[in-house]
Structures are given as C-alpha cells and as structure tokens.
Amino acid sequence: MKPITLFLAATMIIGGASLTSCNKYEEGPTISLLPAKTRVVGTWEVEKYVDADGTETAGDDNDPVYNFTKDGDVTITFGSTTIDGTWLLDSDNENITISYSLGSISFSDDSKIIRLTNKEFWIENDNGDETHLKAK
C-alpha cells in the first residue's frame, strides 16, 4: 500500500511542477479548459494601458470597446462611431490580428496575447506597449 501512495504523491508533485512551468501566455492562465477562441469571443473594454516603460494609464469612456464574435467578426466602438472588421488567432493561439478599414484605408493590427481568461484579455504590440482589456 505504501509504494502506491508514494507513487501517487510523486506523480502529483511532478505533474504540478510541470503545469506551473509551461504557461501558454506570459501572464497566464496556467491551464484553461476553454479554447483560446472561445475566451476571445465577447465584449471587452479597456481597463488600462501599460507602456513599454511600465507607465500605467487607466482606461476611460473615450477608449474603444471591442465585440468579438465566434465567426471572426469584430465591432470596435468609440462613443457613437462603429468600425467593423475581422479577427484571427494564429495557429499557436499566441497572436491576434485585427483587420478593419477606415474609408479606403485598410489596417491590420497584430498583437501578442500575454493573458487570456474569461475576464481578462491582455495584448502587447510590437513596441512593448500593453492594452489590458476586461470583460464587459
């Protein structure tokens, strides 16, 4: 009976250590039962911005609100202005691309996902600036 107990304890310790050492995203979560695409879908508002130097700026009513659908569409709302576009995760679910047009000019923003839970969605641009979104 003791060898089985020792084996189970060792398995739990090794398994727990391996779970804490391999996060998909820098800021977590360690493990999630929901696919990344499912966690992205929903309405998100800016909680704060963190620039590459670590300076934080709180979000306010003038910041965009993002509504991501399961079909890959996104609506970005600034007050009474609405912009429609699309979103796509890369094959590793580590980066998100948001594409949209303003008049005849098309934009495509690529961001690294650094945290993605049901309530928090943090992205980082190429300059190291972060946008922390929270579920609305």
Foldseek 3Di string as FASTA:
>chain_A
DVVVVVVVVVVVVVVVVVLVPDALAQVDDSDDPDDQLVLVAAKKWFQWKQAQVGDIDGGDLQGWIWHAHSVFKIWIDGPPDIWIWGKDAPPSSQKMWTWTDDVPDIDIFIWGWRYTDNFWTWTAGPRRMITIIGGD
